[in-house]
Amino acid sequence: HSFHVSWAPVLDSVATYQVLYGPLPGNSVKVLQVDGRHNSTVVEH
């Protein structure tokens, strides 16, 4: 029911990261906002 997403590099010029996710195939997409200082998040449910 979850997975961990991380990314690189983390840049000072980024205000926020948006993590969009949705099942394939399909077009129901959800969005998580992540502060620009962070480089990972957990997607749940």
ModelCIF file with pLDDT and N, C-alpha, C, O atoms, coordinates in Angstrom:
data_MODEL
#
_entry.id   MODEL 
#
_entity.id                         1 
_entity.type                       polymer 
_entity.pdbx_number_of_molecules   1 
#
_entity_poly.entity_id                      1 
_entity_poly.type                           'polypeptide(L)' 
_entity_poly.nstd_linkage                   no 
_entity_poly.nstd_monomer                   no 
_entity_poly.pdbx_seq_one_letter_code       HSFHVSWAPVLDSVATYQVLYGPLPGNSVKVLQVDGRHNSTVVEH 
_entity_poly.pdbx_seq_one_letter_code_can   HSFHVSWAPVLDSVATYQVLYGPLPGNSVKVLQVDGRHNSTVVEH 
_entity_poly.pdbx_strand_id                 A 
#
loop_
_entity_poly_seq.entity_id 
_entity_poly_seq.num 
_entity_poly_seq.mon_id 
_entity_poly_seq.hetero 
1 1  HIS n 
1 2  SER n 
1 3  PHE n 
1 4  HIS n 
1 5  VAL n 
1 6  SER n 
1 7  TRP n 
1 8  ALA n 
1 9  PRO n 
1 10 VAL n 
1 11 LEU n 
1 12 ASP n 
1 13 SER n 
1 14 VAL n 
1 15 ALA n 
1 16 THR n 
1 17 TYR n 
1 18 GLN n 
1 19 VAL n 
1 20 LEU n 
1 21 TYR n 
1 22 GLY n 
1 23 PRO n 
1 24 LEU n 
1 25 PRO n 
1 26 GLY n 
1 27 ASN n 
1 28 SER n 
1 29 VAL n 
1 30 LYS n 
1 31 VAL n 
1 32 LEU n 
1 33 GLN n 
1 34 VAL n 
1 35 ASP n 
1 36 GLY n 
1 37 ARG n 
1 38 HIS n 
1 39 ASN n 
1 40 SER n 
1 41 THR n 
1 42 VAL n 
1 43 VAL n 
1 44 GLU n 
1 45 HIS n 
#
_struct_asym.id          A 
_struct_asym.entity_id   1 
#
loop_
_ma_qa_metric.id 
_ma_qa_metric.mode 
_ma_qa_metric.name 
_ma_qa_metric.software_group_id 
_ma_qa_metric.type 
1 global pLDDT . pLDDT 
2 local  pLDDT . pLDDT 
#
_ma_qa_metric_global.metric_id      1 
_ma_qa_metric_global.metric_value   92.38 
_ma_qa_metric_global.model_id       1 
_ma_qa_metric_global.ordinal_id     1 
#
loop_
_ma_qa_metric_local.label_asym_id 
_ma_qa_metric_local.label_comp_id 
_ma_qa_metric_local.label_seq_id 
_ma_qa_metric_local.metric_id 
_ma_qa_metric_local.metric_value 
_ma_qa_metric_local.model_id 
_ma_qa_metric_local.ordinal_id 
A HIS 1  2 96.00 1 1  
A SER 2  2 96.00 1 2  
A PHE 3  2 97.00 1 3  
A HIS 4  2 97.00 1 4  
A VAL 5  2 97.00 1 5  
A SER 6  2 96.00 1 6  
A TRP 7  2 94.00 1 7  
A ALA 8  2 89.00 1 8  
A PRO 9  2 84.00 1 9  
A VAL 10 2 82.00 1 10 
A LEU 11 2 79.00 1 11 
A ASP 12 2 77.00 1 12 
A SER 13 2 79.00 1 13 
A VAL 14 2 87.00 1 14 
A ALA 15 2 90.00 1 15 
A THR 16 2 94.00 1 16 
A TYR 17 2 95.00 1 17 
A GLN 18 2 96.00 1 18 
A VAL 19 2 97.00 1 19 
A LEU 20 2 96.00 1 20 
A TYR 21 2 97.00 1 21 
A GLY 22 2 96.00 1 22 
A PRO 23 2 96.00 1 23 
A LEU 24 2 93.00 1 24 
A PRO 25 2 89.00 1 25 
A GLY 26 2 83.00 1 26 
A ASN 27 2 81.00 1 27 
A SER 28 2 89.00 1 28 
A VAL 29 2 94.00 1 29 
A LYS 30 2 96.00 1 30 
A VAL 31 2 96.00 1 31 
A LEU 32 2 96.00 1 32 
A GLN 33 2 96.00 1 33 
A VAL 34 2 96.00 1 34 
A ASP 35 2 94.00 1 35 
A GLY 36 2 91.00 1 36 
A ARG 37 2 91.00 1 37 
A HIS 38 2 94.00 1 38 
A ASN 39 2 94.00 1 39 
A SER 40 2 96.00 1 40 
A THR 41 2 97.00 1 41 
A VAL 42 2 97.00 1 42 
A VAL 43 2 96.00 1 43 
A GLU 44 2 96.00 1 44 
A HIS 45 2 95.00 1 45 
#
loop_
_atom_site.group_PDB 
_atom_site.id 
_atom_site.type_symbol 
_atom_site.label_atom_id 
_atom_site.label_alt_id 
_atom_site.label_comp_id 
_atom_site.label_asym_id 
_atom_site.label_entity_id 
_atom_site.label_seq_id 
_atom_site.pdbx_PDB_ins_code 
_atom_site.Cartn_x 
_atom_site.Cartn_y 
_atom_site.Cartn_z 
_atom_site.occupancy 
_atom_site.B_iso_or_equiv 
_atom_site.pdbx_formal_charge 
_atom_site.auth_seq_id 
_atom_site.auth_comp_id 
_atom_site.auth_asym_id 
_atom_site.auth_atom_id 
_atom_site.pdbx_PDB_model_num 
ATOM 1   N N  . HIS A 1 1  ? 0.797  -1.226 0.000   1.00 96.00 ? 1  HIS A N  1 
ATOM 2   C CA . HIS A 1 1  ? 0.000  0.000  0.000   1.00 96.00 ? 1  HIS A CA 1 
ATOM 3   C C  . HIS A 1 1  ? 0.831  1.278  0.000   1.00 96.00 ? 1  HIS A C  1 
ATOM 4   O O  . HIS A 1 1  ? 0.278  2.372  0.112   1.00 96.00 ? 1  HIS A O  1 
ATOM 5   N N  . SER A 1 2  ? 2.157  1.155  -0.124  1.00 96.00 ? 2  SER A N  1 
ATOM 6   C CA . SER A 1 2  ? 2.975  2.369  -0.094  1.00 96.00 ? 2  SER A CA 1 
ATOM 7   C C  . SER A 1 2  ? 4.324  2.095  -0.747  1.00 96.00 ? 2  SER A C  1 
ATOM 8   O O  . SER A 1 2  ? 4.724  0.942  -0.907  1.00 96.00 ? 2  SER A O  1 
ATOM 9   N N  . PHE A 1 3  ? 5.007  3.146  -1.115  1.00 97.00 ? 3  PHE A N  1 
ATOM 10  C CA . PHE A 1 3  ? 6.417  3.053  -1.488  1.00 97.00 ? 3  PHE A CA 1 
ATOM 11  C C  . PHE A 1 3  ? 7.079  4.390  -1.191  1.00 97.00 ? 3  PHE A C  1 
ATOM 12  O O  . PHE A 1 3  ? 6.425  5.411  -0.976  1.00 97.00 ? 3  PHE A O  1 
ATOM 13  N N  . HIS A 1 4  ? 8.399  4.339  -1.190  1.00 97.00 ? 4  HIS A N  1 
ATOM 14  C CA . HIS A 1 4  ? 9.205  5.492  -0.844  1.00 97.00 ? 4  HIS A CA 1 
ATOM 15  C C  . HIS A 1 4  ? 9.774  6.052  -2.151  1.00 97.00 ? 4  HIS A C  1 
ATOM 16  O O  . HIS A 1 4  ? 10.300 5.298  -2.970  1.00 97.00 ? 4  HIS A O  1 
ATOM 17  N N  . VAL A 1 5  ? 9.671  7.355  -2.347  1.00 97.00 ? 5  VAL A N  1 
ATOM 18  C CA . VAL A 1 5  ? 10.202 8.000  -3.553  1.00 97.00 ? 5  VAL A CA 1 
ATOM 19  C C  . VAL A 1 5  ? 11.299 8.965  -3.119  1.00 97.00 ? 5  VAL A C  1 
ATOM 20  O O  . VAL A 1 5  ? 11.097 9.763  -2.204  1.00 97.00 ? 5  VAL A O  1 
ATOM 21  N N  . SER A 1 6  ? 12.458 8.895  -3.769  1.00 96.00 ? 6  SER A N  1 
ATOM 22  C CA . SER A 1 6  ? 13.502 9.882  -3.489  1.00 96.00 ? 6  SER A CA 1 
ATOM 23  C C  . SER A 1 6  ? 14.084 10.356 -4.815  1.00 96.00 ? 6  SER A C  1 
ATOM 24  O O  . SER A 1 6  ? 13.941 9.685  -5.837  1.00 96.00 ? 6  SER A O  1 
ATOM 25  N N  . TRP A 1 7  ? 14.740 11.514 -4.794  1.00 94.00 ? 7  TRP A N  1 
ATOM 26  C CA . TRP A 1 7  ? 15.259 12.090 -6.039  1.00 94.00 ? 7  TRP A CA 1 
ATOM 27  C C  . TRP A 1 7  ? 16.523 12.881 -5.764  1.00 94.00 ? 7  TRP A C  1 
ATOM 28  O O  . TRP A 1 7  ? 16.816 13.253 -4.628  1.00 94.00 ? 7  TRP A O  1 
ATOM 29  N N  . ALA A 1 8  ? 17.257 13.126 -6.824  1.00 89.00 ? 8  ALA A N  1 
ATOM 30  C CA . ALA A 1 8  ? 18.504 13.883 -6.742  1.00 89.00 ? 8  ALA A CA 1 
ATOM 31  C C  . ALA A 1 8  ? 18.644 14.645 -8.060  1.00 89.00 ? 8  ALA A C  1 
ATOM 32  O O  . ALA A 1 8  ? 18.045 14.241 -9.056  1.00 89.00 ? 8  ALA A O  1 
ATOM 33  N N  . PRO A 1 9  ? 19.407 15.720 -8.098  1.00 84.00 ? 9  PRO A N  1 
ATOM 34  C CA . PRO A 1 9  ? 19.995 16.386 -6.935  1.00 84.00 ? 9  PRO A CA 1 
ATOM 35  C C  . PRO A 1 9  ? 18.982 17.296 -6.264  1.00 84.00 ? 9  PRO A C  1 
ATOM 36  O O  . PRO A 1 9  ? 17.922 17.583 -6.818  1.00 84.00 ? 9  PRO A O  1 
ATOM 37  N N  . VAL A 1 10 ? 19.327 17.752 -5.045  1.00 82.00 ? 10 VAL A N  1 
ATOM 38  C CA . VAL A 1 10 ? 18.516 18.768 -4.376  1.00 82.00 ? 10 VAL A CA 1 
ATOM 39  C C  . VAL A 1 10 ? 19.195 20.107 -4.646  1.00 82.00 ? 10 VAL A C  1 
ATOM 40  O O  . VAL A 1 10 ? 20.389 20.266 -4.392  1.00 82.00 ? 10 VAL A O  1 
ATOM 41  N N  . LEU A 1 11 ? 18.439 21.058 -5.155  1.00 79.00 ? 11 LEU A N  1 
ATOM 42  C CA . LEU A 1 11 ? 19.016 22.335 -5.603  1.00 79.00 ? 11 LEU A CA 1 
ATOM 43  C C  . LEU A 1 11 ? 18.433 23.491 -4.811  1.00 79.00 ? 11 LEU A C  1 
ATOM 44  O O  . LEU A 1 11 ? 17.250 23.501 -4.473  1.00 79.00 ? 11 LEU A O  1 
ATOM 45  N N  . ASP A 1 12 ? 19.297 24.475 -4.519  1.00 77.00 ? 12 ASP A N  1 
ATOM 46  C CA . ASP A 1 12 ? 18.838 25.654 -3.775  1.00 77.00 ? 12 ASP A CA 1 
ATOM 47  C C  . ASP A 1 12 ? 17.785 26.438 -4.530  1.00 77.00 ? 12 ASP A C  1 
ATOM 48  O O  . ASP A 1 12 ? 16.971 27.138 -3.928  1.00 77.00 ? 12 ASP A O  1 
ATOM 49  N N  . SER A 1 13 ? 17.801 26.321 -5.868  1.00 79.00 ? 13 SER A N  1 
ATOM 50  C CA . SER A 1 13 ? 16.895 27.155 -6.657  1.00 79.00 ? 13 SER A CA 1 
ATOM 51  C C  . SER A 1 13 ? 15.483 26.582 -6.728  1.00 79.00 ? 13 SER A C  1 
ATOM 52  O O  . SER A 1 13 ? 14.606 27.171 -7.361  1.00 79.00 ? 13 SER A O  1 
ATOM 53  N N  . VAL A 1 14 ? 15.253 25.423 -6.076  1.00 87.00 ? 14 VAL A N  1 
ATOM 54  C CA . VAL A 1 14 ? 13.920 24.807 -6.103  1.00 87.00 ? 14 VAL A CA 1 
ATOM 55  C C  . VAL A 1 14 ? 13.103 25.279 -4.905  1.00 87.00 ? 14 VAL A C  1 
ATOM 56  O O  . VAL A 1 14 ? 13.561 25.215 -3.764  1.00 87.00 ? 14 VAL A O  1 
ATOM 57  N N  . ALA A 1 15 ? 11.885 25.753 -5.180  1.00 90.00 ? 15 ALA A N  1 
ATOM 58  C CA . ALA A 1 15 ? 10.986 26.178 -4.101  1.00 90.00 ? 15 ALA A CA 1 
ATOM 59  C C  . ALA A 1 15 ? 10.265 24.970 -3.520  1.00 90.00 ? 15 ALA A C  1 
ATOM 60  O O  . ALA A 1 15 ? 10.273 24.767 -2.306  1.00 90.00 ? 15 ALA A O  1 
ATOM 61  N N  . THR A 1 16 ? 9.641  24.167 -4.378  1.00 94.00 ? 16 THR A N  1 
ATOM 62  C CA . THR A 1 16 ? 8.955  22.959 -3.924  1.00 94.00 ? 16 THR A CA 1 
ATOM 63  C C  . THR A 1 16 ? 9.103  21.874 -4.981  1.00 94.00 ? 16 THR A C  1 
ATOM 64  O O  . THR A 1 16 ? 9.362  22.152 -6.152  1.00 94.00 ? 16 THR A O  1 
ATOM 65  N N  . TYR A 1 17 ? 8.934  20.641 -4.544  1.00 95.00 ? 17 TYR A N  1 
ATOM 66  C CA . TYR A 1 17 ? 8.811  19.512 -5.466  1.00 95.00 ? 17 TYR A CA 1 
ATOM 67  C C  . TYR A 1 17 ? 7.362  19.054 -5.439  1.00 95.00 ? 17 TYR A C  1 
ATOM 68  O O  . TYR A 1 17 ? 6.732  19.036 -4.382  1.00 95.00 ? 17 TYR A O  1 
ATOM 69  N N  . GLN A 1 18 ? 6.833  18.685 -6.599  1.00 96.00 ? 18 GLN A N  1 
ATOM 70  C CA . GLN A 1 18 ? 5.516  18.071 -6.651  1.00 96.00 ? 18 GLN A CA 1 
ATOM 71  C C  . GLN A 1 18 ? 5.702  16.631 -7.071  1.00 96.00 ? 18 GLN A C  1 
ATOM 72  O O  . GLN A 1 18 ? 6.350  16.344 -8.077  1.00 96.00 ? 18 GLN A O  1 
ATOM 73  N N  . VAL A 1 19 ? 5.129  15.725 -6.295  1.00 97.00 ? 19 VAL A N  1 
ATOM 74  C CA . VAL A 1 19 ? 5.185  14.311 -6.639  1.00 97.00 ? 19 VAL A CA 1 
ATOM 75  C C  . VAL A 1 19 ? 3.788  13.914 -7.108  1.00 97.00 ? 19 VAL A C  1 
ATOM 76  O O  . VAL A 1 19 ? 2.841  13.896 -6.322  1.00 97.00 ? 19 VAL A O  1 
ATOM 77  N N  . LEU A 1 20 ? 3.670  13.595 -8.407  1.00 96.00 ? 20 LEU A N  1 
ATOM 78  C CA . LEU A 1 20 ? 2.390  13.165 -8.970  1.00 96.00 ? 20 LEU A CA 1 
ATOM 79  C C  . LEU A 1 20 ? 2.434  11.662 -9.127  1.00 96.00 ? 20 LEU A C  1 
ATOM 80  O O  . LEU A 1 20 ? 3.437  11.111 -9.581  1.00 96.00 ? 20 LEU A O  1 
ATOM 81  N N  . TYR A 1 21 ? 1.359  10.995 -8.755  1.00 97.00 ? 21 TYR A N  1 
ATOM 82  C CA . TYR A 1 21 ? 1.356  9.547  -8.920  1.00 97.00 ? 21 TYR A CA 1 
ATOM 83  C C  . TYR A 1 21 ? -0.050 9.077  -9.237  1.00 97.00 ? 21 TYR A C  1 
ATOM 84  O O  . TYR A 1 21 ? -1.033 9.662  -8.783  1.00 97.00 ? 21 TYR A O  1 
ATOM 85  N N  . GLY A 1 22 ? -0.133 8.014  -10.023 1.00 96.00 ? 22 GLY A N  1 
ATOM 86  C CA . GLY A 1 22 ? -1.417 7.436  -10.386 1.00 96.00 ? 22 GLY A CA 1 
ATOM 87  C C  . GLY A 1 22 ? -1.187 6.074  -10.994 1.00 96.00 ? 22 GLY A C  1 
ATOM 88  O O  . GLY A 1 22 ? -0.121 5.804  -11.547 1.00 96.00 ? 22 GLY A O  1 
ATOM 89  N N  . PRO A 1 23 ? -2.214 5.188  -10.891 1.00 96.00 ? 23 PRO A N  1 
ATOM 90  C CA . PRO A 1 23 ? -2.057 3.835  -11.415 1.00 96.00 ? 23 PRO A CA 1 
ATOM 91  C C  . PRO A 1 23 ? -2.011 3.839  -12.941 1.00 96.00 ? 23 PRO A C  1 
ATOM 92  O O  . PRO A 1 23 ? -2.631 4.677  -13.595 1.00 96.00 ? 23 PRO A O  1 
ATOM 93  N N  . LEU A 1 24 ? -1.257 2.880  -13.494 1.00 93.00 ? 24 LEU A N  1 
ATOM 94  C CA . LEU A 1 24 ? -1.220 2.654  -14.937 1.00 93.00 ? 24 LEU A CA 1 
ATOM 95  C C  . LEU A 1 24 ? -2.010 1.404  -15.261 1.00 93.00 ? 24 LEU A C  1 
ATOM 96  O O  . LEU A 1 24 ? -1.905 0.445  -14.496 1.00 93.00 ? 24 LEU A O  1 
ATOM 97  N N  . PRO A 1 25 ? -2.789 1.326  -16.319 1.00 89.00 ? 25 PRO A N  1 
ATOM 98  C CA . PRO A 1 25 ? -3.216 2.505  -17.079 1.00 89.00 ? 25 PRO A CA 1 
ATOM 99  C C  . PRO A 1 25 ? -4.259 3.251  -16.274 1.00 89.00 ? 25 PRO A C  1 
ATOM 100 O O  . PRO A 1 25 ? -4.841 2.687  -15.347 1.00 89.00 ? 25 PRO A O  1 
ATOM 101 N N  . GLY A 1 26 ? -4.503 4.485  -16.601 1.00 83.00 ? 26 GLY A N  1 
ATOM 102 C CA . GLY A 1 26 ? -5.510 5.249  -15.868 1.00 83.00 ? 26 GLY A CA 1 
ATOM 103 C C  . GLY A 1 26 ? -5.114 6.695  -15.847 1.00 83.00 ? 26 GLY A C  1 
ATOM 104 O O  . GLY A 1 26 ? -4.001 7.048  -16.238 1.00 83.00 ? 26 GLY A O  1 
ATOM 105 N N  . ASN A 1 27 ? -6.016 7.541  -15.393 1.00 81.00 ? 27 ASN A N  1 
ATOM 106 C CA . ASN A 1 27 ? -5.692 8.960  -15.376 1.00 81.00 ? 27 ASN A CA 1 
ATOM 107 C C  . ASN A 1 27 ? -6.098 9.619  -14.069 1.00 81.00 ? 27 ASN A C  1 
ATOM 108 O O  . ASN A 1 27 ? -6.277 10.835 -14.005 1.00 81.00 ? 27 ASN A O  1 
ATOM 109 N N  . SER A 1 28 ? -6.244 8.798  -13.015 1.00 89.00 ? 28 SER A N  1 
ATOM 110 C CA . SER A 1 28 ? -6.511 9.411  -11.708 1.00 89.00 ? 28 SER A CA 1 
ATOM 111 C C  . SER A 1 28 ? -5.160 9.702  -11.072 1.00 89.00 ? 28 SER A C  1 
ATOM 112 O O  . SER A 1 28 ? -4.447 8.792  -10.649 1.00 89.00 ? 28 SER A O  1 
ATOM 113 N N  . VAL A 1 29 ? -4.824 10.980 -11.012 1.00 94.00 ? 29 VAL A N  1 
ATOM 114 C CA . VAL A 1 29 ? -3.501 11.360 -10.512 1.00 94.00 ? 29 VAL A CA 1 
ATOM 115 C C  . VAL A 1 29 ? -3.663 12.126 -9.211  1.00 94.00 ? 29 VAL A C  1 
ATOM 116 O O  . VAL A 1 29 ? -4.519 13.002 -9.094  1.00 94.00 ? 29 VAL A O  1 
ATOM 117 N N  . LYS A 1 30 ? -2.828 11.784 -8.234  1.00 96.00 ? 30 LYS A N  1 
ATOM 118 C CA . LYS A 1 30 ? -2.800 12.538 -6.987  1.00 96.00 ? 30 LYS A CA 1 
ATOM 119 C C  . LYS A 1 30 ? -1.480 13.284 -6.909  1.00 96.00 ? 30 LYS A C  1 
ATOM 120 O O  . LYS A 1 30 ? -0.498 12.893 -7.541  1.00 96.00 ? 30 LYS A O  1 
ATOM 121 N N  . VAL A 1 31 ? -1.457 14.368 -6.128  1.00 96.00 ? 31 VAL A N  1 
ATOM 122 C CA . VAL A 1 31 ? -0.263 15.206 -6.024  1.00 96.00 ? 31 VAL A CA 1 
ATOM 123 C C  . VAL A 1 31 ? 0.144  15.355 -4.567  1.00 96.00 ? 31 VAL A C  1 
ATOM 124 O O  . VAL A 1 31 ? -0.693 15.615 -3.703  1.00 96.00 ? 31 VAL A O  1 
ATOM 125 N N  . LEU A 1 32 ? 1.431  15.190 -4.301  1.00 96.00 ? 32 LEU A N  1 
ATOM 126 C CA . LEU A 1 32 ? 1.997  15.522 -2.993  1.00 96.00 ? 32 LEU A CA 1 
ATOM 127 C C  . LEU A 1 32 ? 2.930  16.711 -3.185  1.00 96.00 ? 32 LEU A C  1 
ATOM 128 O O  . LEU A 1 32 ? 3.728  16.731 -4.121  1.00 96.00 ? 32 LEU A O  1 
ATOM 129 N N  . GLN A 1 33 ? 2.831  17.711 -2.293  1.00 96.00 ? 33 GLN A N  1 
ATOM 130 C CA . GLN A 1 33 ? 3.774  18.829 -2.323  1.00 96.00 ? 33 GLN A CA 1 
ATOM 131 C C  . GLN A 1 33 ? 4.872  18.531 -1.308  1.00 96.00 ? 33 GLN A C  1 
ATOM 132 O O  . GLN A 1 33 ? 4.587  18.163 -0.168  1.00 96.00 ? 33 GLN A O  1 
ATOM 133 N N  . VAL A 1 34 ? 6.118  18.691 -1.722  1.00 96.00 ? 34 VAL A N  1 
ATOM 134 C CA . VAL A 1 34 ? 7.243  18.442 -0.827  1.00 96.00 ? 34 VAL A CA 1 
ATOM 135 C C  . VAL A 1 34 ? 8.117  19.689 -0.803  1.00 96.00 ? 34 VAL A C  1 
ATOM 136 O O  . VAL A 1 34 ? 8.428  20.262 -1.848  1.00 96.00 ? 34 VAL A O  1 
ATOM 137 N N  . ASP A 1 35 ? 8.502  20.096 0.373   1.00 94.00 ? 35 ASP A N  1 
ATOM 138 C CA . ASP A 1 35 ? 9.357  21.277 0.520   1.00 94.00 ? 35 ASP A CA 1 
ATOM 139 C C  . ASP A 1 35 ? 10.651 21.101 -0.283  1.00 94.00 ? 35 ASP A C  1 
ATOM 140 O O  . ASP A 1 35 ? 11.192 19.998 -0.361  1.00 94.00 ? 35 ASP A O  1 
ATOM 141 N N  . GLY A 1 36 ? 11.139 22.181 -0.871  1.00 91.00 ? 36 GLY A N  1 
ATOM 142 C CA . GLY A 1 36 ? 12.328 22.132 -1.717  1.00 91.00 ? 36 GLY A CA 1 
ATOM 143 C C  . GLY A 1 36 ? 13.593 21.688 -1.012  1.00 91.00 ? 36 GLY A C  1 
ATOM 144 O O  . GLY A 1 36 ? 14.577 21.342 -1.666  1.00 91.00 ? 36 GLY A O  1 
ATOM 145 N N  . ARG A 1 37 ? 13.584 21.692 0.336   1.00 91.00 ? 37 ARG A N  1 
ATOM 146 C CA . ARG A 1 37 ? 14.783 21.250 1.066   1.00 91.00 ? 37 ARG A CA 1 
ATOM 147 C C  . ARG A 1 37 ? 14.835 19.730 1.201   1.00 91.00 ? 37 ARG A C  1 
ATOM 148 O O  . ARG A 1 37 ? 15.872 19.177 1.567   1.00 91.00 ? 37 ARG A O  1 
ATOM 149 N N  . HIS A 1 38 ? 13.722 19.048 0.907   1.00 94.00 ? 38 HIS A N  1 
ATOM 150 C CA . HIS A 1 38 ? 13.672 17.596 1.097   1.00 94.00 ? 38 HIS A CA 1 
ATOM 151 C C  . HIS A 1 38 ? 13.847 16.883 -0.233  1.00 94.00 ? 38 HIS A C  1 
ATOM 152 O O  . HIS A 1 38 ? 13.573 17.444 -1.294  1.00 94.00 ? 38 HIS A O  1 
ATOM 153 N N  . ASN A 1 39 ? 14.305 15.641 -0.162  1.00 94.00 ? 39 ASN A N  1 
ATOM 154 C CA . ASN A 1 39 ? 14.491 14.922 -1.421  1.00 94.00 ? 39 ASN A CA 1 
ATOM 155 C C  . ASN A 1 39 ? 13.844 13.545 -1.393  1.00 94.00 ? 39 ASN A C  1 
ATOM 156 O O  . ASN A 1 39 ? 14.223 12.657 -2.157  1.00 94.00 ? 39 ASN A O  1 
ATOM 157 N N  . SER A 1 40 ? 12.858 13.370 -0.503  1.00 96.00 ? 40 SER A N  1 
ATOM 158 C CA . SER A 1 40 ? 12.155 12.087 -0.516  1.00 96.00 ? 40 SER A CA 1 
ATOM 159 C C  . SER A 1 40 ? 10.801 12.247 0.152   1.00 96.00 ? 40 SER A C  1 
ATOM 160 O O  . SER A 1 40 ? 10.560 13.194 0.901   1.00 96.00 ? 40 SER A O  1 
ATOM 161 N N  . THR A 1 41 ? 9.923  11.294 -0.143  1.00 97.00 ? 41 THR A N  1 
ATOM 162 C CA . THR A 1 41 ? 8.612  11.270 0.497   1.00 97.00 ? 41 THR A CA 1 
ATOM 163 C C  . THR A 1 41 ? 8.074  9.855  0.414   1.00 97.00 ? 41 THR A C  1 
ATOM 164 O O  . THR A 1 41 ? 8.562  9.039  -0.367  1.00 97.00 ? 41 THR A O  1 
ATOM 165 N N  . VAL A 1 42 ? 7.063  9.571  1.225   1.00 97.00 ? 42 VAL A N  1 
ATOM 166 C CA . VAL A 1 42 ? 6.411  8.263  1.178   1.00 97.00 ? 42 VAL A CA 1 
ATOM 167 C C  . VAL A 1 42 ? 5.030  8.448  0.574   1.00 97.00 ? 42 VAL A C  1 
ATOM 168 O O  . VAL A 1 42 ? 4.263  9.309  1.005   1.00 97.00 ? 42 VAL A O  1 
ATOM 169 N N  . VAL A 1 43 ? 4.720  7.636  -0.422  1.00 96.00 ? 43 VAL A N  1 
ATOM 170 C CA . VAL A 1 43 ? 3.399  7.651  -1.046  1.00 96.00 ? 43 VAL A CA 1 
ATOM 171 C C  . VAL A 1 43 ? 2.603  6.498  -0.435  1.00 96.00 ? 43 VAL A C  1 
ATOM 172 O O  . VAL A 1 43 ? 3.046  5.349  -0.432  1.00 96.00 ? 43 VAL A O  1 
ATOM 173 N N  . GLU A 1 44 ? 1.418  6.829  0.082   1.00 96.00 ? 44 GLU A N  1 
ATOM 174 C CA . GLU A 1 44 ? 0.647  5.826  0.833   1.00 96.00 ? 44 GLU A CA 1 
ATOM 175 C C  . GLU A 1 44 ? -0.741 5.624  0.238   1.00 96.00 ? 44 GLU A C  1 
ATOM 176 O O  . GLU A 1 44 ? -1.113 6.251  -0.754  1.00 96.00 ? 44 GLU A O  1 
ATOM 177 N N  . HIS A 1 45 ? -1.505 4.717  0.883   1.00 95.00 ? 45 HIS A N  1 
ATOM 178 C CA . HIS A 1 45 ? -2.909 4.446  0.514   1.00 95.00 ? 45 HIS A CA 1 
ATOM 179 C C  . HIS A 1 45 ? -3.019 3.987  -0.938  1.00 95.00 ? 45 HIS A C  1 
ATOM 180 O O  . HIS A 1 45 ? -4.120 3.717  -1.418  1.00 95.00 ? 45 HIS A O  1 
#
